[in-house]
Amino acid sequence: MISWSIALKLHQIRIDGIDWHSSYCDPDGDKHHGWHRHRFDPRKQSADGQRWPTKVLEGVSDRTHFLISTLKEMNIALSGVDHGNYELFSD
């Protein structure tokens, strides 16, 4: 299955994220399938390999709902105000 995935990275290191796998083990060694969250492990300084089951995406059927649900779950606030400096991208 192909599914959506979202990751929050800092200096190329995943610090949070949500995605779907047909089979995975949580850090306790229990087997699961489906949606899971990658939670940050302070000892490893990464969220890679830290897969915990989440039900937040049950019933999500479109990309907009996926983005709203995952960003809310990861406590990422969005603003409609755009402070972009698009002059940086001019030729």
PDB file of N, CA and C in Angstrom:
ATOM      1  N   MET A   1       0.838  -1.193   0.000  1.00  0.00           N
ATOM      2  CA  MET A   1       0.000   0.000   0.000  1.00  0.00           C
ATOM      3  C   MET A   1       0.877   1.248   0.000  1.00  0.00           C
ATOM      4  N   ILE A   2       0.490   2.212  -0.768  1.00  0.00           N
ATOM      5  CA  ILE A   2       1.145   3.511  -0.751  1.00  0.00           C
ATOM      6  C   ILE A   2       0.285   4.434   0.103  1.00  0.00           C
ATOM      7  N   SER A   3       0.921   5.157   0.991  1.00  0.00           N
ATOM      8  CA  SER A   3       0.153   6.048   1.860  1.00  0.00           C
ATOM      9  C   SER A   3       0.900   7.353   2.050  1.00  0.00           C
ATOM     10  N   TRP A   4       0.230   8.307   2.665  1.00  0.00           N
ATOM     11  CA  TRP A   4       0.855   9.575   2.977  1.00  0.00           C
ATOM     12  C   TRP A   4       1.790   9.405   4.164  1.00  0.00           C
ATOM     13  N   SER A   5       2.731  10.299   4.254  1.00  0.00           N
ATOM     14  CA  SER A   5       3.689  10.299   5.345  1.00  0.00           C
ATOM     15  C   SER A   5       4.063  11.744   5.644  1.00  0.00           C
ATOM     16  N   ILE A   6       4.309  12.035   6.910  1.00  0.00           N
ATOM     17  CA  ILE A   6       4.730  13.379   7.289  1.00  0.00           C
ATOM     18  C   ILE A   6       5.848  13.258   8.308  1.00  0.00           C
ATOM     19  N   ALA A   7       6.853  14.104   8.184  1.00  0.00           N
ATOM     20  CA  ALA A   7       7.972  14.087   9.124  1.00  0.00           C
ATOM     21  C   ALA A   7       8.394  15.514   9.443  1.00  0.00           C
ATOM     22  N   LEU A   8       8.713  15.741  10.693  1.00  0.00           N
ATOM     23  CA  LEU A   8       9.295  16.996  11.129  1.00  0.00           C
ATOM     24  C   LEU A   8      10.765  16.706  11.384  1.00  0.00           C
ATOM     25  N   LYS A   9      11.633  17.424  10.661  1.00  0.00           N
ATOM     26  CA  LYS A   9      13.069  17.194  10.783  1.00  0.00           C
ATOM     27  C   LYS A   9      13.782  18.470  11.212  1.00  0.00           C
ATOM     28  N   LEU A  10      14.858  18.273  11.942  1.00  0.00           N
ATOM     29  CA  LEU A  10      15.740  19.358  12.347  1.00  0.00           C
ATOM     30  C   LEU A  10      17.154  18.920  12.002  1.00  0.00           C
ATOM     31  N   HIS A  11      17.810  19.649  11.133  1.00  0.00           N
ATOM     32  CA  HIS A  11      19.152  19.291  10.667  1.00  0.00           C
ATOM     33  C   HIS A  11      19.190  17.860  10.121  1.00  0.00           C
ATOM     34  N   GLN A  12      18.175  17.524   9.304  1.00  0.00           N
ATOM     35  CA  GLN A  12      18.054  16.219   8.644  1.00  0.00           C
ATOM     36  C   GLN A  12      17.802  15.056   9.613  1.00  0.00           C
ATOM     37  N   ILE A  13      17.436  15.341  10.845  1.00  0.00           N
ATOM     38  CA  ILE A  13      17.123  14.292  11.827  1.00  0.00           C
ATOM     39  C   ILE A  13      15.636  14.351  12.131  1.00  0.00           C
ATOM     40  N   ARG A  14      14.947  13.200  11.956  1.00  0.00           N
ATOM     41  CA  ARG A  14      13.512  13.156  12.243  1.00  0.00           C
ATOM     42  C   ARG A  14      13.302  13.311  13.737  1.00  0.00           C
ATOM     43  N   ILE A  15      12.467  14.297  14.098  1.00  0.00           N
ATOM     44  CA  ILE A  15      12.139  14.490  15.505  1.00  0.00           C
ATOM     45  C   ILE A  15      10.675  14.174  15.788  1.00  0.00           C
ATOM     46  N   ASP A  16       9.882  13.989  14.734  1.00  0.00           N
ATOM     47  CA  ASP A  16       8.484  13.593  14.877  1.00  0.00           C
ATOM     48  C   ASP A  16       7.982  13.174  13.499  1.00  0.00           C
ATOM     49  N   GLY A  17       6.913  12.432  13.462  1.00  0.00           N
ATOM     50  CA  GLY A  17       6.346  12.053  12.180  1.00  0.00           C
ATOM     51  C   GLY A  17       5.249  11.022  12.329  1.00  0.00           C
ATOM     52  N   ILE A  18       4.473  10.868  11.254  1.00  0.00           N
ATOM     53  CA  ILE A  18       3.387   9.895  11.226  1.00  0.00           C
ATOM     54  C   ILE A  18       3.373   9.260   9.846  1.00  0.00           C
ATOM     55  N   ASP A  19       3.267   7.929   9.800  1.00  0.00           N
ATOM     56  CA  ASP A  19       3.096   7.231   8.532  1.00  0.00           C
ATOM     57  C   ASP A  19       2.464   5.866   8.746  1.00  0.00           C
ATOM     58  N   TRP A  20       2.389   5.076   7.690  1.00  0.00           N
ATOM     59  CA  TRP A  20       1.671   3.800   7.694  1.00  0.00           C
ATOM     60  C   TRP A  20       2.593   2.689   7.218  1.00  0.00           C
ATOM     61  N   HIS A  21       2.572   1.565   7.924  1.00  0.00           N
ATOM     62  CA  HIS A  21       3.291   0.364   7.494  1.00  0.00           C
ATOM     63  C   HIS A  21       2.370  -0.846   7.670  1.00  0.00           C
ATOM     64  N   SER A  22       2.530  -1.824   6.787  1.00  0.00           N
ATOM     65  CA  SER A  22       1.712  -3.037   6.902  1.00  0.00           C
ATOM     66  C   SER A  22       2.130  -3.872   8.100  1.00  0.00           C
ATOM     67  N   SER A  23       3.365  -3.706   8.557  1.00  0.00           N
ATOM     68  CA  SER A  23       3.842  -4.431   9.734  1.00  0.00           C
ATOM     69  C   SER A  23       5.002  -3.658  10.364  1.00  0.00           C
ATOM     70  N   TYR A  24       4.965  -3.508  11.673  1.00  0.00           N
ATOM     71  CA  TYR A  24       6.069  -2.871  12.394  1.00  0.00           C
ATOM     72  C   TYR A  24       6.013  -3.293  13.859  1.00  0.00           C
ATOM     73  N   CYS A  25       7.101  -3.086  14.568  1.00  0.00           N
ATOM     74  CA  CYS A  25       7.168  -3.365  15.998  1.00  0.00           C
ATOM     75  C   CYS A  25       7.342  -2.057  16.748  1.00  0.00           C
ATOM     76  N   ASP A  26       6.631  -1.932  17.870  1.00  0.00           N
ATOM     77  CA  ASP A  26       6.822  -0.756  18.714  1.00  0.00           C
ATOM     78  C   ASP A  26       8.095  -0.967  19.551  1.00  0.00           C
ATOM     79  N   PRO A  27       8.552   0.043  20.271  1.00  0.00           N
ATOM     80  CA  PRO A  27       9.783  -0.100  21.059  1.00  0.00           C
ATOM     81  C   PRO A  27       9.717  -1.186  22.135  1.00  0.00           C
ATOM     82  N   ASP A  28       8.503  -1.605  22.514  1.00  0.00           N
ATOM     83  CA  ASP A  28       8.361  -2.695  23.480  1.00  0.00           C
ATOM     84  C   ASP A  28       8.447  -4.063  22.815  1.00  0.00           C
ATOM     85  N   GLY A  29       8.535  -4.097  21.468  1.00  0.00           N
ATOM     86  CA  GLY A  29       8.634  -5.353  20.737  1.00  0.00           C
ATOM     87  C   GLY A  29       7.304  -5.922  20.279  1.00  0.00           C
ATOM     88  N   ASP A  30       6.196  -5.243  20.559  1.00  0.00           N
ATOM     89  CA  ASP A  30       4.877  -5.724  20.142  1.00  0.00           C
ATOM     90  C   ASP A  30       4.651  -5.412  18.667  1.00  0.00           C
ATOM     91  N   LYS A  31       4.067  -6.378  17.920  1.00  0.00           N
ATOM     92  CA  LYS A  31       3.809  -6.205  16.500  1.00  0.00           C
ATOM     93  C   LYS A  31       2.488  -5.469  16.278  1.00  0.00           C
ATOM     94  N   HIS A  32       2.500  -4.593  15.258  1.00  0.00           N
ATOM     95  CA  HIS A  32       1.325  -3.815  14.889  1.00  0.00           C
ATOM     96  C   HIS A  32       1.287  -3.664  13.381  1.00  0.00           C
ATOM     97  N   HIS A  33       0.202  -3.082  12.885  1.00  0.00           N
ATOM     98  CA  HIS A  33       0.118  -2.675  11.484  1.00  0.00           C
ATOM     99  C   HIS A  33      -0.720  -1.406  11.401  1.00  0.00           C
ATOM    100  N   GLY A  34      -0.460  -0.618  10.380  1.00  0.00           N
ATOM    101  CA  GLY A  34      -1.254   0.589  10.175  1.00  0.00           C
ATOM    102  C   GLY A  34      -0.517   1.863  10.519  1.00  0.00           C
ATOM    103  N   TRP A  35      -1.304   2.870  10.897  1.00  0.00           N
ATOM    104  CA  TRP A  35      -0.757   4.182  11.205  1.00  0.00           C
ATOM    105  C   TRP A  35       0.032   4.163  12.500  1.00  0.00           C
ATOM    106  N   HIS A  36       1.149   4.872  12.509  1.00  0.00           N
ATOM    107  CA  HIS A  36       1.962   4.980  13.711  1.00  0.00           C
ATOM    108  C   HIS A  36       2.672   6.329  13.732  1.00  0.00           C
ATOM    109  N   ARG A  37       3.082   6.692  14.919  1.00  0.00           N
ATOM    110  CA  ARG A  37       3.797   7.961  15.112  1.00  0.00           C
ATOM    111  C   ARG A  37       5.232   7.670  15.499  1.00  0.00           C
ATOM    112  N   HIS A  38       6.130   8.421  14.913  1.00  0.00           N
ATOM    113  CA  HIS A  38       7.548   8.348  15.261  1.00  0.00           C
ATOM    114  C   HIS A  38       7.787   9.381  16.357  1.00  0.00           C
ATOM    115  N   ARG A  39       8.025   8.912  17.562  1.00  0.00           N
ATOM    116  CA  ARG A  39       8.224   9.828  18.687  1.00  0.00           C
ATOM    117  C   ARG A  39       9.716   9.989  18.969  1.00  0.00           C
ATOM    118  N   PHE A  40      10.091  11.177  19.360  1.00  0.00           N
ATOM    119  CA  PHE A  40      11.483  11.510  19.630  1.00  0.00           C
ATOM    120  C   PHE A  40      11.986  10.763  20.857  1.00  0.00           C
ATOM    121  N   ASP A  41      13.164  10.164  20.732  1.00  0.00           N
ATOM    122  CA  ASP A  41      13.836   9.491  21.841  1.00  0.00           C
ATOM    123  C   ASP A  41      15.035  10.349  22.231  1.00  0.00           C
ATOM    124  N   PRO A  42      14.990  11.007  23.386  1.00  0.00           N
ATOM    125  CA  PRO A  42      16.093  11.890  23.779  1.00  0.00           C
ATOM    126  C   PRO A  42      17.443  11.177  23.890  1.00  0.00           C
ATOM    127  N   ARG A  43      17.438   9.902  24.258  1.00  0.00           N
ATOM    128  CA  ARG A  43      18.717   9.170  24.361  1.00  0.00           C
ATOM    129  C   ARG A  43      19.365   8.983  23.001  1.00  0.00           C
ATOM    130  N   LYS A  44      18.550   8.690  21.970  1.00  0.00           N
ATOM    131  CA  LYS A  44      19.074   8.481  20.620  1.00  0.00           C
ATOM    132  C   LYS A  44      19.137   9.774  19.813  1.00  0.00           C
ATOM    133  N   GLN A  45      18.519  10.833  20.337  1.00  0.00           N
ATOM    134  CA  GLN A  45      18.440  12.116  19.655  1.00  0.00           C
ATOM    135  C   GLN A  45      17.811  11.983  18.266  1.00  0.00           C
ATOM    136  N   SER A  46      16.771  11.141  18.174  1.00  0.00           N
ATOM    137  CA  SER A  46      16.088  10.896  16.908  1.00  0.00           C
ATOM    138  C   SER A  46      14.728  10.253  17.180  1.00  0.00           C
ATOM    139  N   ALA A  47      13.846  10.328  16.170  1.00  0.00           N
ATOM    140  CA  ALA A  47      12.563   9.626  16.243  1.00  0.00           C
ATOM    141  C   ALA A  47      12.571   8.407  15.330  1.00  0.00           C
ATOM    142  N   ASP A  48      13.668   8.156  14.631  1.00  0.00           N
ATOM    143  CA  ASP A  48      13.754   6.973  13.776  1.00  0.00           C
ATOM    144  C   ASP A  48      13.714   5.714  14.635  1.00  0.00           C
ATOM    145  N   GLY A  49      12.912   4.768  14.213  1.00  0.00           N
ATOM    146  CA  GLY A  49      12.809   3.502  14.936  1.00  0.00           C
ATOM    147  C   GLY A  49      11.870   3.529  16.122  1.00  0.00           C
ATOM    148  N   GLN A  50      11.317   4.669  16.448  1.00  0.00           N
ATOM    149  CA  GLN A  50      10.395   4.789  17.578  1.00  0.00           C
ATOM    150  C   GLN A  50       8.968   4.847  17.055  1.00  0.00           C
ATOM    151  N   ARG A  51       8.404   3.706  16.697  1.00  0.00           N
ATOM    152  CA  ARG A  51       7.058   3.649  16.100  1.00  0.00           C
ATOM    153  C   ARG A  51       6.026   3.255  17.149  1.00  0.00           C
ATOM    154  N   TRP A  52       5.073   4.151  17.369  1.00  0.00           N
ATOM    155  CA  TRP A  52       3.998   3.910  18.318  1.00  0.00           C
ATOM    156  C   TRP A  52       2.657   4.001  17.594  1.00  0.00           C
ATOM    157  N   PRO A  53       1.745   3.050  17.828  1.00  0.00           N
ATOM    158  CA  PRO A  53       0.432   3.071  17.155  1.00  0.00           C
ATOM    159  C   PRO A  53      -0.332   4.366  17.447  1.00  0.00           C
ATOM    160  N   THR A  54      -1.068   4.828  16.436  1.00  0.00           N
ATOM    161  CA  THR A  54      -1.944   5.991  16.616  1.00  0.00           C
ATOM    162  C   THR A  54      -3.232   5.755  15.848  1.00  0.00           C
ATOM    163  N   LYS A  55      -4.324   6.194  16.411  1.00  0.00           N
ATOM    164  CA  LYS A  55      -5.637   6.048  15.780  1.00  0.00           C
ATOM    165  C   LYS A  55      -6.102   7.358  15.154  1.00  0.00           C
ATOM    166  N   VAL A  56      -5.277   8.403  15.221  1.00  0.00           N
ATOM    167  CA  VAL A  56      -5.686   9.734  14.794  1.00  0.00           C
ATOM    168  C   VAL A  56      -6.089   9.785  13.321  1.00  0.00           C
ATOM    169  N   LEU A  57      -5.621   8.859  12.500  1.00  0.00           N
ATOM    170  CA  LEU A  57      -5.903   8.914  11.067  1.00  0.00           C
ATOM    171  C   LEU A  57      -6.952   7.914  10.600  1.00  0.00           C
ATOM    172  N   GLU A  58      -7.612   7.242  11.515  1.00  0.00           N
ATOM    173  CA  GLU A  58      -8.666   6.319  11.120  1.00  0.00           C
ATOM    174  C   GLU A  58      -9.752   7.095  10.379  1.00  0.00           C
ATOM    175  N   GLY A  59     -10.085   6.663   9.164  1.00  0.00           N
ATOM    176  CA  GLY A  59     -11.133   7.292   8.386  1.00  0.00           C
ATOM    177  C   GLY A  59     -10.688   8.470   7.529  1.00  0.00           C
ATOM    178  N   VAL A  60      -9.411   8.834   7.576  1.00  0.00           N
ATOM    179  CA  VAL A  60      -8.921   9.938   6.744  1.00  0.00           C
ATOM    180  C   VAL A  60      -8.908   9.488   5.292  1.00  0.00           C
ATOM    181  N   SER A  61      -9.498  10.295   4.413  1.00  0.00           N
ATOM    182  CA  SER A  61      -9.616   9.875   3.020  1.00  0.00           C
ATOM    183  C   SER A  61      -9.067  10.874   2.006  1.00  0.00           C
ATOM    184  N   ASP A  62      -8.625  12.044   2.482  1.00  0.00           N
ATOM    185  CA  ASP A  62      -8.051  12.993   1.532  1.00  0.00           C
ATOM    186  C   ASP A  62      -6.838  13.682   2.147  1.00  0.00           C
ATOM    187  N   ARG A  63      -6.027  14.272   1.290  1.00  0.00           N
ATOM    188  CA  ARG A  63      -4.757  14.862   1.704  1.00  0.00           C
ATOM    189  C   ARG A  63      -4.942  16.012   2.689  1.00  0.00           C
ATOM    190  N   THR A  64      -5.943  16.859   2.463  1.00  0.00           N
ATOM    191  CA  THR A  64      -6.163  17.991   3.357  1.00  0.00           C
ATOM    192  C   THR A  64      -6.488  17.516   4.769  1.00  0.00           C
ATOM    193  N   HIS A  65      -7.376  16.544   4.889  1.00  0.00           N
ATOM    194  CA  HIS A  65      -7.728  15.983   6.200  1.00  0.00           C
ATOM    195  C   HIS A  65      -6.504  15.336   6.844  1.00  0.00           C
ATOM    196  N   PHE A  66      -5.678  14.651   6.034  1.00  0.00           N
ATOM    197  CA  PHE A  66      -4.437  14.041   6.533  1.00  0.00           C
ATOM    198  C   PHE A  66      -3.517  15.113   7.126  1.00  0.00           C
ATOM    199  N   LEU A  67      -3.289  16.191   6.385  1.00  0.00           N
ATOM    200  CA  LEU A  67      -2.388  17.241   6.861  1.00  0.00           C
ATOM    201  C   LEU A  67      -2.912  17.917   8.118  1.00  0.00           C
ATOM    202  N   ILE A  68      -4.190  18.243   8.134  1.00  0.00           N
ATOM    203  CA  ILE A  68      -4.777  18.884   9.321  1.00  0.00           C
ATOM    204  C   ILE A  68      -4.672  17.970  10.530  1.00  0.00           C
ATOM    205  N   SER A  69      -5.008  16.688  10.362  1.00  0.00           N
ATOM    206  CA  SER A  69      -4.988  15.733  11.480  1.00  0.00           C
ATOM    207  C   SER A  69      -3.578  15.492  12.010  1.00  0.00           C
ATOM    208  N   THR A  70      -2.618  15.305  11.106  1.00  0.00           N
ATOM    209  CA  THR A  70      -1.256  15.000  11.557  1.00  0.00           C
ATOM    210  C   THR A  70      -0.578  16.213  12.187  1.00  0.00           C
ATOM    211  N   LEU A  71      -0.757  17.383  11.595  1.00  0.00           N
ATOM    212  CA  LEU A  71      -0.146  18.575  12.177  1.00  0.00           C
ATOM    213  C   LEU A  71      -0.735  18.881  13.551  1.00  0.00           C
ATOM    214  N   LYS A  72      -2.039  18.673  13.699  1.00  0.00           N
ATOM    215  CA  LYS A  72      -2.676  18.871  15.003  1.00  0.00           C
ATOM    216  C   LYS A  72      -2.137  17.863  16.018  1.00  0.00           C
ATOM    217  N   GLU A  73      -2.009  16.600  15.612  1.00  0.00           N
ATOM    218  CA  GLU A  73      -1.489  15.550  16.496  1.00  0.00           C
ATOM    219  C   GLU A  73      -0.056  15.855  16.944  1.00  0.00           C
ATOM    220  N   MET A  74       0.740  16.432  16.057  1.00  0.00           N
ATOM    221  CA  MET A  74       2.133  16.748  16.381  1.00  0.00           C
ATOM    222  C   MET A  74       2.279  18.131  17.027  1.00  0.00           C
ATOM    223  N   ASN A  75       1.154  18.788  17.327  1.00  0.00           N
ATOM    224  CA  ASN A  75       1.136  20.110  17.968  1.00  0.00           C
ATOM    225  C   ASN A  75       1.883  21.163  17.160  1.00  0.00           C
ATOM    226  N   ILE A  76       1.714  21.117  15.838  1.00  0.00           N
ATOM    227  CA  ILE A  76       2.312  22.116  14.955  1.00  0.00           C
ATOM    228  C   ILE A  76       1.210  23.101  14.571  1.00  0.00           C
ATOM    229  N   ALA A  77       1.399  24.350  14.939  1.00  0.00           N
ATOM    230  CA  ALA A  77       0.407  25.381  14.655  1.00  0.00           C
ATOM    231  C   ALA A  77       0.708  26.021  13.308  1.00  0.00           C
ATOM    232  N   LEU A  78      -0.336  26.215  12.527  1.00  0.00           N
ATOM    233  CA  LEU A  78      -0.210  26.873  11.236  1.00  0.00           C
ATOM    234  C   LEU A  78      -0.830  28.254  11.309  1.00  0.00           C
ATOM    235  N   SER A  79      -0.305  29.137  10.497  1.00  0.00           N
ATOM    236  CA  SER A  79      -0.835  30.493  10.432  1.00  0.00           C
ATOM    237  C   SER A  79      -1.165  30.815   8.987  1.00  0.00           C
ATOM    238  N   GLY A  80      -2.250  31.529   8.775  1.00  0.00           N
ATOM    239  CA  GLY A  80      -2.617  31.950   7.437  1.00  0.00           C
ATOM    240  C   GLY A  80      -1.819  33.150   6.961  1.00  0.00           C
ATOM    241  N   VAL A  81      -1.012  33.722   7.850  1.00  0.00           N
ATOM    242  CA  VAL A  81      -0.207  34.889   7.498  1.00  0.00           C
ATOM    243  C   VAL A  81       1.064  34.408   6.811  1.00  0.00           C
ATOM    244  N   ASP A  82       1.344  34.953   5.652  1.00  0.00           N
ATOM    245  CA  ASP A  82       2.518  34.570   4.871  1.00  0.00           C
ATOM    246  C   ASP A  82       3.545  35.686   4.957  1.00  0.00           C
ATOM    247  N   HIS A  83       4.670  35.419   5.611  1.00  0.00           N
ATOM    248  CA  HIS A  83       5.734  36.405   5.754  1.00  0.00           C
ATOM    249  C   HIS A  83       6.896  36.112   4.808  1.00  0.00           C
ATOM    250  N   GLY A  84       6.616  35.361   3.752  1.00  0.00           N
ATOM    251  CA  GLY A  84       7.674  34.971   2.826  1.00  0.00           C
ATOM    252  C   GLY A  84       8.305  36.156   2.116  1.00  0.00           C
ATOM    253  N   ASN A  85       9.605  36.058   1.911  1.00  0.00           N
ATOM    254  CA  ASN A  85      10.338  37.061   1.152  1.00  0.00           C
ATOM    255  C   ASN A  85      10.633  36.452  -0.214  1.00  0.00           C
ATOM    256  N   TYR A  86       9.706  36.657  -1.135  1.00  0.00           N
ATOM    257  CA  TYR A  86       9.810  36.007  -2.448  1.00  0.00           C
ATOM    258  C   TYR A  86      10.843  36.668  -3.341  1.00  0.00           C
ATOM    259  N   GLU A  87      11.389  37.817  -2.913  1.00  0.00           N
ATOM    260  CA  GLU A  87      12.457  38.453  -3.683  1.00  0.00           C
ATOM    261  C   GLU A  87      13.705  37.578  -3.692  1.00  0.00           C
ATOM    262  N   LEU A  88      13.853  36.708  -2.701  1.00  0.00           N
ATOM    263  CA  LEU A  88      15.011  35.814  -2.644  1.00  0.00           C
ATOM    264  C   LEU A  88      15.036  34.861  -3.825  1.00  0.00           C
ATOM    265  N   PHE A  89      13.884  34.607  -4.433  1.00  0.00           N
ATOM    266  CA  PHE A  89      13.790  33.622  -5.500  1.00  0.00           C
ATOM    267  C   PHE A  89      13.735  34.236  -6.887  1.00  0.00           C
ATOM    268  N   SER A  90      13.948  35.546  -6.995  1.00  0.00           N
ATOM    269  CA  SER A  90      13.911  36.173  -8.314  1.00  0.00           C
ATOM    270  C   SER A  90      15.254  35.981  -9.019  1.00  0.00           C
ATOM    271  N   ASP A  91      15.226  36.058 -10.344  1.00  0.00           N
ATOM    272  CA  ASP A  91      16.465  35.877 -11.125  1.00  0.00           C
ATOM    273  C   ASP A  91      17.329  37.107 -11.106  1.00  0.00           C
TER     274      ASP A  91
END
